[in-house]
Amino acid sequence: GVTNYEDSVKGRFTISRDNAENTVYLQMNSLKPGDTAVYYCSVIIDL
């Protein structure tokens, strides 16, 4: 549950996870037009 953020979203976005549900979340507040994008989750295992 330790988190870190890119500076441009720090204070507006919150990442969290529910290990019982195998789910990760991204809460996004104070959204701006510049936040328009396709959002992806990712995990590094062997790849």
All heavy atoms as atom14 arrays in JSON, in Angstrom:
{
  "sequence": "GVTNYEDSVKGRFTISRDNAENTVYLQMNSLKPGDTAVYYCSVIIDL",
  "atom14_mask": [
    [1, 1, 1, 1, 0, 0, 0, 0, 0, 0, 0, 0, 0, 0],
    [1, 1, 1, 1, 1, 1, 1, 0, 0, 0, 0, 0, 0, 0],
    [1, 1, 1, 1, 1, 1, 1, 0, 0, 0, 0, 0, 0, 0],
    [1, 1, 1, 1, 1, 1, 1, 1, 0, 0, 0, 0, 0, 0],
    [1, 1, 1, 1, 1, 1, 1, 1, 1, 1, 1, 1, 0, 0],
    [1, 1, 1, 1, 1, 1, 1, 1, 1, 0, 0, 0, 0, 0],
    [1, 1, 1, 1, 1, 1, 1, 1, 0, 0, 0, 0, 0, 0],
    [1, 1, 1, 1, 1, 1, 0, 0, 0, 0, 0, 0, 0, 0],
    [1, 1, 1, 1, 1, 1, 1, 0, 0, 0, 0, 0, 0, 0],
    [1, 1, 1, 1, 1, 1, 1, 1, 1, 0, 0, 0, 0, 0],
    [1, 1, 1, 1, 0, 0, 0, 0, 0, 0, 0, 0, 0, 0],
    [1, 1, 1, 1, 1, 1, 1, 1, 1, 1, 1, 0, 0, 0],
    [1, 1, 1, 1, 1, 1, 1, 1, 1, 1, 1, 0, 0, 0],
    [1, 1, 1, 1, 1, 1, 1, 0, 0, 0, 0, 0, 0, 0],
    [1, 1, 1, 1, 1, 1, 1, 1, 0, 0, 0, 0, 0, 0],
    [1, 1, 1, 1, 1, 1, 0, 0, 0, 0, 0, 0, 0, 0],
    [1, 1, 1, 1, 1, 1, 1, 1, 1, 1, 1, 0, 0, 0],
    [1, 1, 1, 1, 1, 1, 1, 1, 0, 0, 0, 0, 0, 0],
    [1, 1, 1, 1, 1, 1, 1, 1, 0, 0, 0, 0, 0, 0],
    [1, 1, 1, 1, 1, 0, 0, 0, 0, 0, 0, 0, 0, 0],
    [1, 1, 1, 1, 1, 1, 1, 1, 1, 0, 0, 0, 0, 0],
    [1, 1, 1, 1, 1, 1, 1, 1, 0, 0, 0, 0, 0, 0],
    [1, 1, 1, 1, 1, 1, 1, 0, 0, 0, 0, 0, 0, 0],
    [1, 1, 1, 1, 1, 1, 1, 0, 0, 0, 0, 0, 0, 0],
    [1, 1, 1, 1, 1, 1, 1, 1, 1, 1, 1, 1, 0, 0],
    [1, 1, 1, 1, 1, 1, 1, 1, 0, 0, 0, 0, 0, 0],
    [1, 1, 1, 1, 1, 1, 1, 1, 1, 0, 0, 0, 0, 0],
    [1, 1, 1, 1, 1, 1, 1, 1, 0, 0, 0, 0, 0, 0],
    [1, 1, 1, 1, 1, 1, 1, 1, 0, 0, 0, 0, 0, 0],
    [1, 1, 1, 1, 1, 1, 0, 0, 0, 0, 0, 0, 0, 0],
    [1, 1, 1, 1, 1, 1, 1, 1, 0, 0, 0, 0, 0, 0],
    [1, 1, 1, 1, 1, 1, 1, 1, 1, 0, 0, 0, 0, 0],
    [1, 1, 1, 1, 1, 1, 1, 0, 0, 0, 0, 0, 0, 0],
    [1, 1, 1, 1, 0, 0, 0, 0, 0, 0, 0, 0, 0, 0],
    [1, 1, 1, 1, 1, 1, 1, 1, 0, 0, 0, 0, 0, 0],
    [1, 1, 1, 1, 1, 1, 1, 0, 0, 0, 0, 0, 0, 0],
    [1, 1, 1, 1, 1, 0, 0, 0, 0, 0, 0, 0, 0, 0],
    [1, 1, 1, 1, 1, 1, 1, 0, 0, 0, 0, 0, 0, 0],
    [1, 1, 1, 1, 1, 1, 1, 1, 1, 1, 1, 1, 0, 0],
    [1, 1, 1, 1, 1, 1, 1, 1, 1, 1, 1, 1, 0, 0],
    [1, 1, 1, 1, 1, 1, 0, 0, 0, 0, 0, 0, 0, 0],
    [1, 1, 1, 1, 1, 1, 0, 0, 0, 0, 0, 0, 0, 0],
    [1, 1, 1, 1, 1, 1, 1, 0, 0, 0, 0, 0, 0, 0],
    [1, 1, 1, 1, 1, 1, 1, 1, 0, 0, 0, 0, 0, 0],
    [1, 1, 1, 1, 1, 1, 1, 1, 0, 0, 0, 0, 0, 0],
    [1, 1, 1, 1, 1, 1, 1, 1, 0, 0, 0, 0, 0, 0],
    [1, 1, 1, 1, 1, 1, 1, 1, 0, 0, 0, 0, 0, 0]
  ],
  "atom14_positions": [
    [[0.77, -1.24, 0.0], [0.0, 0.0, 0.0], [0.8, 1.29, 0.0], [0.22, 2.37, 0.08], [0.0, 0.0, 0.0], [0.0, 0.0, 0.0], [0.0, 0.0, 0.0], [0.0, 0.0, 0.0], [0.0, 0.0, 0.0], [0.0, 0.0, 0.0], [0.0, 0.0, 0.0], [0.0, 0.0, 0.0], [0.0, 0.0, 0.0], [0.0, 0.0, 0.0]],
    [[2.11, 1.21, -0.12], [2.93, 2.42, -0.2], [2.74, 3.04, -1.59], [2.81, 2.34, -2.59], [4.41, 2.12, 0.07], [5.24, 3.37, -0.11], [4.58, 1.54, 1.47], [0.0, 0.0, 0.0], [0.0, 0.0, 0.0], [0.0, 0.0, 0.0], [0.0, 0.0, 0.0], [0.0, 0.0, 0.0], [0.0, 0.0, 0.0], [0.0, 0.0, 0.0]],
    [[2.54, 4.35, -1.62], [2.21, 5.01, -2.88], [3.25, 6.04, -3.28], [3.94, 6.61, -2.42], [0.84, 5.71, -2.79], [0.88, 6.67, -1.74], [-0.27, 4.71, -2.51], [0.0, 0.0, 0.0], [0.0, 0.0, 0.0], [0.0, 0.0, 0.0], [0.0, 0.0, 0.0], [0.0, 0.0, 0.0], [0.0, 0.0, 0.0], [0.0, 0.0, 0.0]],
    [[3.33, 6.31, -4.58], [4.07, 7.47, -5.06], [3.42, 7.96, -6.35], [2.74, 7.18, -7.04], [5.55, 7.18, -5.24], [5.85, 6.08, -6.21], [5.7, 4.93, -5.91], [6.29, 6.46, -7.4], [0.0, 0.0, 0.0], [0.0, 0.0, 0.0], [0.0, 0.0, 0.0], [0.0, 0.0, 0.0], [0.0, 0.0, 0.0], [0.0, 0.0, 0.0]],
    [[3.61, 9.24, -6.65], [2.88, 9.93, -7.71], [3.8, 10.79, -8.56], [4.8, 11.33, -8.08], [1.82, 10.85, -7.1], [0.77, 10.13, -6.3], [0.93, 9.91, -4.94], [-0.39, 9.66, -6.91], [-0.03, 9.24, -4.2], [-1.36, 9.0, -6.18], [-1.17, 8.79, -4.83], [-2.13, 8.13, -4.11], [0.0, 0.0, 0.0], [0.0, 0.0, 0.0]],
    [[3.4, 10.94, -9.81], [4.02, 11.93, -10.67], [3.56, 13.3, -10.19], [2.43, 13.48, -9.74], [3.6, 11.65, -12.11], [4.42, 12.36, -13.16], [3.94, 13.75, -13.47], [2.74, 14.01, -13.31], [4.78, 14.59, -13.87], [0.0, 0.0, 0.0], [0.0, 0.0, 0.0], [0.0, 0.0, 0.0], [0.0, 0.0, 0.0], [0.0, 0.0, 0.0]],
    [[4.43, 14.3, -10.3], [4.15, 15.6, -9.69], [2.86, 16.24, -10.2], [2.15, 16.92, -9.44], [5.32, 16.54, -9.92], [6.51, 16.23, -9.04], [6.35, 15.46, -8.07], [7.6, 16.75, -9.32], [0.0, 0.0, 0.0], [0.0, 0.0, 0.0], [0.0, 0.0, 0.0], [0.0, 0.0, 0.0], [0.0, 0.0, 0.0], [0.0, 0.0, 0.0]],
    [[2.55, 16.06, -11.47], [1.41, 16.78, -12.04], [0.06, 16.31, -11.49], [-0.94, 17.01, -11.64], [1.41, 16.68, -13.57], [1.12, 15.35, -13.97], [0.0, 0.0, 0.0], [0.0, 0.0, 0.0], [0.0, 0.0, 0.0], [0.0, 0.0, 0.0], [0.0, 0.0, 0.0], [0.0, 0.0, 0.0], [0.0, 0.0, 0.0], [0.0, 0.0, 0.0]],
    [[0.03, 15.14, -10.87], [-1.24, 14.63, -10.34], [-1.24, 14.53, -8.82], [-2.27, 14.22, -8.22], [-1.61, 13.26, -10.95], [-1.67, 13.37, -12.47], [-0.65, 12.17, -10.51], [0.0, 0.0, 0.0], [0.0, 0.0, 0.0], [0.0, 0.0, 0.0], [0.0, 0.0, 0.0], [0.0, 0.0, 0.0], [0.0, 0.0, 0.0], [0.0, 0.0, 0.0]],
    [[-0.11, 14.82, -8.21], [0.0, 14.73, -6.76], [-1.0, 15.7, -6.12], [-1.1, 16.87, -6.5], [1.43, 15.08, -6.34], [1.82, 14.56, -4.98], [3.29, 14.85, -4.71], [4.2, 14.08, -5.63], [5.63, 14.28, -5.31], [0.0, 0.0, 0.0], [0.0, 0.0, 0.0], [0.0, 0.0, 0.0], [0.0, 0.0, 0.0], [0.0, 0.0, 0.0]],
    [[-1.77, 15.21, -5.17], [-2.78, 16.03, -4.51], [-4.14, 15.99, -5.18], [-5.14, 16.39, -4.58], [0.0, 0.0, 0.0], [0.0, 0.0, 0.0], [0.0, 0.0, 0.0], [0.0, 0.0, 0.0], [0.0, 0.0, 0.0], [0.0, 0.0, 0.0], [0.0, 0.0, 0.0], [0.0, 0.0, 0.0], [0.0, 0.0, 0.0], [0.0, 0.0, 0.0]],
    [[-4.2, 15.53, -6.42], [-5.49, 15.42, -7.13], [-5.9, 13.98, -7.33], [-7.09, 13.66, -7.32], [-5.43, 16.11, -8.49], [-5.18, 17.59, -8.44], [-5.42, 18.24, -9.81], [-4.56, 17.69, -10.85], [-5.01, 17.18, -12.01], [-6.31, 17.15, -12.25], [-4.16, 16.73, -12.9], [0.0, 0.0, 0.0], [0.0, 0.0, 0.0], [0.0, 0.0, 0.0]],
    [[-4.93, 13.1, -7.58], [-5.21, 11.69, -7.85], [-4.75, 10.85, -6.66], [-3.73, 11.16, -6.03], [-4.45, 11.21, -9.09], [-4.94, 11.78, -10.4], [-5.87, 12.79, -10.46], [-4.44, 11.28, -11.6], [-6.31, 13.31, -11.68], [-4.86, 11.79, -12.82], [-5.79, 12.8, -12.86], [0.0, 0.0, 0.0], [0.0, 0.0, 0.0], [0.0, 0.0, 0.0]],
    [[-5.49, 9.79, -6.38], [-5.14, 8.86, -5.31], [-5.22, 7.44, -5.84], [-6.28, 7.02, -6.33], [-6.09, 9.02, -4.11], [-6.05, 10.37, -3.64], [-5.68, 8.09, -2.99], [0.0, 0.0, 0.0], [0.0, 0.0, 0.0], [0.0, 0.0, 0.0], [0.0, 0.0, 0.0], [0.0, 0.0, 0.0], [0.0, 0.0, 0.0], [0.0, 0.0, 0.0]],
    [[-4.12, 6.72, -5.71], [-4.1, 5.32, -6.09], [-4.32, 4.48, -4.83], [-3.83, 4.81, -3.75], [-2.77, 4.94, -6.79], [-2.83, 3.53, -7.38], [-1.58, 5.11, -5.85], [-1.64, 3.19, -8.27], [0.0, 0.0, 0.0], [0.0, 0.0, 0.0], [0.0, 0.0, 0.0], [0.0, 0.0, 0.0], [0.0, 0.0, 0.0], [0.0, 0.0, 0.0]],
    [[-5.06, 3.4, -4.99], [-5.29, 2.49, -3.87], [-5.51, 1.09, -4.43], [-5.67, 0.91, -5.64], [-6.49, 2.93, -3.03], [-7.68, 2.92, -3.8], [0.0, 0.0, 0.0], [0.0, 0.0, 0.0], [0.0, 0.0, 0.0], [0.0, 0.0, 0.0], [0.0, 0.0, 0.0], [0.0, 0.0, 0.0], [0.0, 0.0, 0.0], [0.0, 0.0, 0.0]],
    [[-5.52, 0.12, -3.54], [-5.72, -1.26, -3.98], [-6.52, -2.02, -2.94], [-6.47, -1.72, -1.75], [-4.39, -1.95, -4.25], [-3.51, -2.12, -3.05], [-2.1, -2.57, -3.46], [-2.11, -3.9, -4.08], [-1.16, -4.34, -4.91], [-0.12, -3.56, -5.21], [-1.24, -5.56, -5.4], [0.0, 0.0, 0.0], [0.0, 0.0, 0.0], [0.0, 0.0, 0.0]],
    [[-7.24, -3.02, -3.44], [-7.97, -3.95, -2.59], [-7.43, -5.34, -2.9], [-7.78, -5.93, -3.94], [-9.47, -3.86, -2.87], [-10.3, -4.73, -1.96], [-9.77, -5.71, -1.41], [-11.49, -4.43, -1.8], [0.0, 0.0, 0.0], [0.0, 0.0, 0.0], [0.0, 0.0, 0.0], [0.0, 0.0, 0.0], [0.0, 0.0, 0.0], [0.0, 0.0, 0.0]],
    [[-6.56, -5.83, -2.06], [-5.92, -7.12, -2.34], [-6.9, -8.28, -2.26], [-6.67, -9.32, -2.88], [-4.75, -7.34, -1.39], [-3.54, -6.48, -1.73], [-3.44, -5.95, -2.85], [-2.64, -6.3, -0.78], [0.0, 0.0, 0.0], [0.0, 0.0, 0.0], [0.0, 0.0, 0.0], [0.0, 0.0, 0.0], [0.0, 0.0, 0.0], [0.0, 0.0, 0.0]],
    [[-7.98, -8.12, -1.51], [-8.98, -9.18, -1.44], [-9.76, -9.3, -2.75], [-10.25, -10.37, -3.09], [-9.94, -8.93, -0.29], [0.0, 0.0, 0.0], [0.0, 0.0, 0.0], [0.0, 0.0, 0.0], [0.0, 0.0, 0.0], [0.0, 0.0, 0.0], [0.0, 0.0, 0.0], [0.0, 0.0, 0.0], [0.0, 0.0, 0.0], [0.0, 0.0, 0.0]],
    [[-9.87, -8.18, -3.47], [-10.62, -8.14, -4.74], [-9.72, -8.12, -5.96], [-10.23, -8.05, -7.08], [-11.54, -6.91, -4.75], [-12.61, -6.92, -3.68], [-13.63, -8.03, -3.89], [-13.88, -8.4, -5.07], [-14.16, -8.54, -2.89], [0.0, 0.0, 0.0], [0.0, 0.0, 0.0], [0.0, 0.0, 0.0], [0.0, 0.0, 0.0], [0.0, 0.0, 0.0]],
    [[-8.4, -8.16, -5.76], [-7.45, -8.1, -6.88], [-7.73, -6.9, -7.79], [-7.75, -7.02, -9.03], [-7.49, -9.39, -7.7], [-6.79, -10.53, -7.03], [-6.43, -10.44, -5.85], [-6.59, -11.63, -7.73], [0.0, 0.0, 0.0], [0.0, 0.0, 0.0], [0.0, 0.0, 0.0], [0.0, 0.0, 0.0], [0.0, 0.0, 0.0], [0.0, 0.0, 0.0]],
    [[-7.96, -5.76, -7.16], [-8.34, -4.56, -7.91], [-7.51, -3.37, -7.44], [-7.27, -3.21, -6.24], [-9.84, -4.28, -7.72], [-10.59, -5.41, -8.19], [-10.25, -3.04, -8.51], [0.0, 0.0, 0.0], [0.0, 0.0, 0.0], [0.0, 0.0, 0.0], [0.0, 0.0, 0.0], [0.0, 0.0, 0.0], [0.0, 0.0, 0.0], [0.0, 0.0, 0.0]],
    [[-7.11, -2.56, -8.39], [-6.44, -1.3, -8.09], [-7.31, -0.16, -8.61], [-7.98, -0.32, -9.64], [-5.02, -1.27, -8.69], [-5.04, -1.4, -10.2], [-4.27, -0.01, -8.27], [0.0, 0.0, 0.0], [0.0, 0.0, 0.0], [0.0, 0.0, 0.0], [0.0, 0.0, 0.0], [0.0, 0.0, 0.0], [0.0, 0.0, 0.0], [0.0, 0.0, 0.0]],
    [[-7.3, 0.93, -7.88], [-8.16, 2.07, -8.2], [-7.33, 3.32, -8.44], [-6.22, 3.45, -7.94], [-9.12, 2.34, -7.03], [-9.99, 1.17, -6.68], [-9.67, 0.33, -5.62], [-11.15, 0.9, -7.4], [-10.47, -0.75, -5.29], [-11.96, -0.17, -7.08], [-11.61, -1.0, -6.03], [-12.41, -2.07, -5.71], [0.0, 0.0, 0.0], [0.0, 0.0, 0.0]],
    [[-7.93, 4.25, -9.17], [-7.36, 5.59, -9.3], [-8.51, 6.58, -9.12], [-9.36, 6.69, -10.01], [-6.68, 5.79, -10.64], [-5.92, 7.11, -10.77], [-4.69, 7.13, -9.85], [-5.49, 7.35, -12.23], [0.0, 0.0, 0.0], [0.0, 0.0, 0.0], [0.0, 0.0, 0.0], [0.0, 0.0, 0.0], [0.0, 0.0, 0.0], [0.0, 0.0, 0.0]],
    [[-8.53, 7.24, -7.99], [-9.5, 8.29, -7.74], [-8.94, 9.59, -8.28], [-7.84, 10.0, -7.89], [-9.77, 8.42, -6.24], [-10.7, 9.55, -5.87], [-12.12, 9.33, -6.36], [-12.66, 8.23, -6.26], [-12.74, 10.38, -6.9], [0.0, 0.0, 0.0], [0.0, 0.0, 0.0], [0.0, 0.0, 0.0], [0.0, 0.0, 0.0], [0.0, 0.0, 0.0]],
    [[-9.69, 10.23, -9.17], [-9.22, 11.44, -9.83], [-10.18, 12.57, -9.49], [-11.38, 12.49, -9.81], [-9.16, 11.23, -11.34], [-8.33, 10.02, -11.74], [-8.09, 9.9, -13.53], [-9.78, 9.63, -14.06], [0.0, 0.0, 0.0], [0.0, 0.0, 0.0], [0.0, 0.0, 0.0], [0.0, 0.0, 0.0], [0.0, 0.0, 0.0], [0.0, 0.0, 0.0]],
    [[-9.66, 13.61, -8.87], [-10.45, 14.78, -8.49], [-9.93, 16.03, -9.2], [-8.81, 16.04, -9.73], [-10.39, 14.99, -6.97], [-10.93, 13.82, -6.19], [-11.87, 13.14, -6.63], [-10.37, 13.57, -5.02], [0.0, 0.0, 0.0], [0.0, 0.0, 0.0], [0.0, 0.0, 0.0], [0.0, 0.0, 0.0], [0.0, 0.0, 0.0], [0.0, 0.0, 0.0]],
    [[-10.74, 17.07, -9.19], [-10.35, 18.35, -9.79], [-9.82, 18.15, -11.2], [-8.77, 18.69, -11.57], [-9.3, 19.05, -8.92], [-9.77, 19.25, -7.61], [0.0, 0.0, 0.0], [0.0, 0.0, 0.0], [0.0, 0.0, 0.0], [0.0, 0.0, 0.0], [0.0, 0.0, 0.0], [0.0, 0.0, 0.0], [0.0, 0.0, 0.0], [0.0, 0.0, 0.0]],
    [[-10.56, 17.41, -11.99], [-10.09, 17.07, -13.33], [-10.04, 18.3, -14.23], [-10.87, 19.21, -14.13], [-10.98, 15.99, -13.93], [-10.7, 14.58, -13.36], [-11.87, 13.65, -13.65], [-9.41, 14.03, -13.93], [0.0, 0.0, 0.0], [0.0, 0.0, 0.0], [0.0, 0.0, 0.0], [0.0, 0.0, 0.0], [0.0, 0.0, 0.0], [0.0, 0.0, 0.0]],
    [[-9.06, 18.27, -15.13], [-8.82, 19.38, -16.05], [-8.89, 18.84, -17.47], [-8.67, 17.65, -17.7], [-7.43, 19.96, -15.81], [-7.11, 20.31, -14.38], [-5.65, 20.68, -14.24], [-5.28, 20.96, -12.79], [-3.84, 21.28, -12.64], [0.0, 0.0, 0.0], [0.0, 0.0, 0.0], [0.0, 0.0, 0.0], [0.0, 0.0, 0.0], [0.0, 0.0, 0.0]],
    [[-9.14, 19.72, -18.44], [-9.12, 19.24, -19.83], [-7.81, 18.54, -20.2], [-7.82, 17.6, -21.0], [-9.34, 20.53, -20.63], [-10.16, 21.39, -19.71], [-9.62, 21.11, -18.33], [0.0, 0.0, 0.0], [0.0, 0.0, 0.0], [0.0, 0.0, 0.0], [0.0, 0.0, 0.0], [0.0, 0.0, 0.0], [0.0, 0.0, 0.0], [0.0, 0.0, 0.0]],
    [[-6.72, 18.97, -19.62], [-5.43, 18.34, -19.89], [-5.3, 16.92, -19.36], [-4.33, 16.24, -19.68], [0.0, 0.0, 0.0], [0.0, 0.0, 0.0], [0.0, 0.0, 0.0], [0.0, 0.0, 0.0], [0.0, 0.0, 0.0], [0.0, 0.0, 0.0], [0.0, 0.0, 0.0], [0.0, 0.0, 0.0], [0.0, 0.0, 0.0], [0.0, 0.0, 0.0]],
    [[-6.26, 16.48, -18.55], [-6.27, 15.11, -18.07], [-6.92, 14.15, -19.07], [-6.94, 12.94, -18.84], [-7.0, 15.01, -16.74], [-6.3, 15.76, -15.62], [-5.06, 15.66, -15.52], [-7.0, 16.46, -14.86], [0.0, 0.0, 0.0], [0.0, 0.0, 0.0], [0.0, 0.0, 0.0], [0.0, 0.0, 0.0], [0.0, 0.0, 0.0], [0.0, 0.0, 0.0]],
    [[-7.47, 14.68, -20.15], [-8.07, 13.85, -21.17], [-7.04, 12.9, -21.77], [-5.99, 13.34, -22.26], [-8.7, 14.71, -22.28], [-9.77, 15.48, -21.71], [-9.22, 13.86, -23.42], [0.0, 0.0, 0.0], [0.0, 0.0, 0.0], [0.0, 0.0, 0.0], [0.0, 0.0, 0.0], [0.0, 0.0, 0.0], [0.0, 0.0, 0.0], [0.0, 0.0, 0.0]],
    [[-7.33, 11.61, -21.72], [-6.36, 10.61, -22.16], [-6.99, 9.22, -22.03], [-8.06, 9.07, -21.43], [-5.09, 10.66, -21.31], [0.0, 0.0, 0.0], [0.0, 0.0, 0.0], [0.0, 0.0, 0.0], [0.0, 0.0, 0.0], [0.0, 0.0, 0.0], [0.0, 0.0, 0.0], [0.0, 0.0, 0.0], [0.0, 0.0, 0.0], [0.0, 0.0, 0.0]],
    [[-6.29, 8.25, -22.57], [-6.61, 6.85, -22.26], [-5.75, 6.46, -21.06], [-4.54, 6.7, -21.05], [-6.33, 5.92, -23.45], [-6.63, 4.47, -23.07], [-7.17, 6.33, -24.66], [0.0, 0.0, 0.0], [0.0, 0.0, 0.0], [0.0, 0.0, 0.0], [0.0, 0.0, 0.0], [0.0, 0.0, 0.0], [0.0, 0.0, 0.0], [0.0, 0.0, 0.0]],
    [[-6.4, 5.88, -20.05], [-5.74, 5.52, -18.81], [-5.54, 4.0, -18.76], [-6.47, 3.24, -19.04], [-6.56, 5.99, -17.62], [-6.45, 7.49, -17.4], [-7.03, 8.38, -18.3], [-5.75, 8.01, -16.33], [-6.91, 9.75, -18.13], [-5.63, 9.38, -16.14], [-6.21, 10.24, -17.04], [-6.09, 11.59, -16.86], [0.0, 0.0, 0.0], [0.0, 0.0, 0.0]],
    [[-4.32, 3.61, -18.39], [-3.94, 2.2, -18.38], [-3.43, 1.8, -17.0], [-2.69, 2.57, -16.36], [-2.8, 1.94, -19.37], [-3.1, 2.25, -20.8], [-2.86, 3.52, -21.32], [-3.61, 1.27, -21.65], [-3.12, 3.81, -22.65], [-3.87, 1.55, -22.98], [-3.62, 2.81, -23.48], [-3.88, 3.09, -24.79], [0.0, 0.0, 0.0], [0.0, 0.0, 0.0]],
    [[-3.76, 0.6, -16.58], [-3.06, 0.04, -15.43], [-2.01, -0.95, -15.94], [-2.08, -1.43, -17.08], [-4.01, -0.61, -14.43], [-4.81, -2.1, -14.99], [0.0, 0.0, 0.0], [0.0, 0.0, 0.0], [0.0, 0.0, 0.0], [0.0, 0.0, 0.0], [0.0, 0.0, 0.0], [0.0, 0.0, 0.0], [0.0, 0.0, 0.0], [0.0, 0.0, 0.0]],
    [[-1.04, -1.2, -15.09], [0.12, -1.99, -15.51], [0.74, -2.7, -14.32], [0.67, -2.21, -13.19], [1.16, -1.07, -16.15], [2.3, -1.78, -16.57], [0.0, 0.0, 0.0], [0.0, 0.0, 0.0], [0.0, 0.0, 0.0], [0.0, 0.0, 0.0], [0.0, 0.0, 0.0], [0.0, 0.0, 0.0], [0.0, 0.0, 0.0], [0.0, 0.0, 0.0]],
    [[1.35, -3.84, -14.62], [2.12, -4.57, -13.62], [3.4, -5.09, -14.28], [3.38, -5.49, -15.45], [1.3, -5.72, -13.01], [0.93, -6.77, -14.04], [2.03, -6.36, -11.83], [0.0, 0.0, 0.0], [0.0, 0.0, 0.0], [0.0, 0.0, 0.0], [0.0, 0.0, 0.0], [0.0, 0.0, 0.0], [0.0, 0.0, 0.0], [0.0, 0.0, 0.0]],
    [[4.49, -5.04, -13.52], [5.76, -5.57, -14.0], [6.03, -6.87, -13.26], [6.21, -6.88, -12.04], [6.91, -4.57, -13.77], [6.62, -3.26, -14.51], [8.23, -5.18, -14.24], [7.6, -2.15, -14.2], [0.0, 0.0, 0.0], [0.0, 0.0, 0.0], [0.0, 0.0, 0.0], [0.0, 0.0, 0.0], [0.0, 0.0, 0.0], [0.0, 0.0, 0.0]],
    [[6.04, -7.95, -14.03], [6.34, -9.26, -13.46], [7.63, -9.73, -14.15], [8.7, -9.25, -13.84], [5.17, -10.23, -13.64], [3.88, -9.61, -13.07], [5.46, -11.58, -12.94], [2.62, -10.41, -13.3], [0.0, 0.0, 0.0], [0.0, 0.0, 0.0], [0.0, 0.0, 0.0], [0.0, 0.0, 0.0], [0.0, 0.0, 0.0], [0.0, 0.0, 0.0]],
    [[7.52, -10.62, -15.13], [8.69, -10.91, -15.97], [8.78, -9.88, -17.1], [9.86, -9.54, -17.58], [8.59, -12.33, -16.54], [7.26, -12.59, -17.21], [6.27, -11.91, -16.91], [7.2, -13.51, -18.06], [0.0, 0.0, 0.0], [0.0, 0.0, 0.0], [0.0, 0.0, 0.0], [0.0, 0.0, 0.0], [0.0, 0.0, 0.0], [0.0, 0.0, 0.0]],
    [[7.64, -9.4, -17.49], [7.48, -8.33, -18.48], [6.59, -7.26, -17.88], [6.02, -7.46, -16.8], [6.8, -8.89, -19.74], [7.47, -10.06, -20.45], [6.54, -10.6, -21.54], [8.8, -9.64, -21.04], [0.0, 0.0, 0.0], [0.0, 0.0, 0.0], [0.0, 0.0, 0.0], [0.0, 0.0, 0.0], [0.0, 0.0, 0.0], [0.0, 0.0, 0.0]]
  ]
}
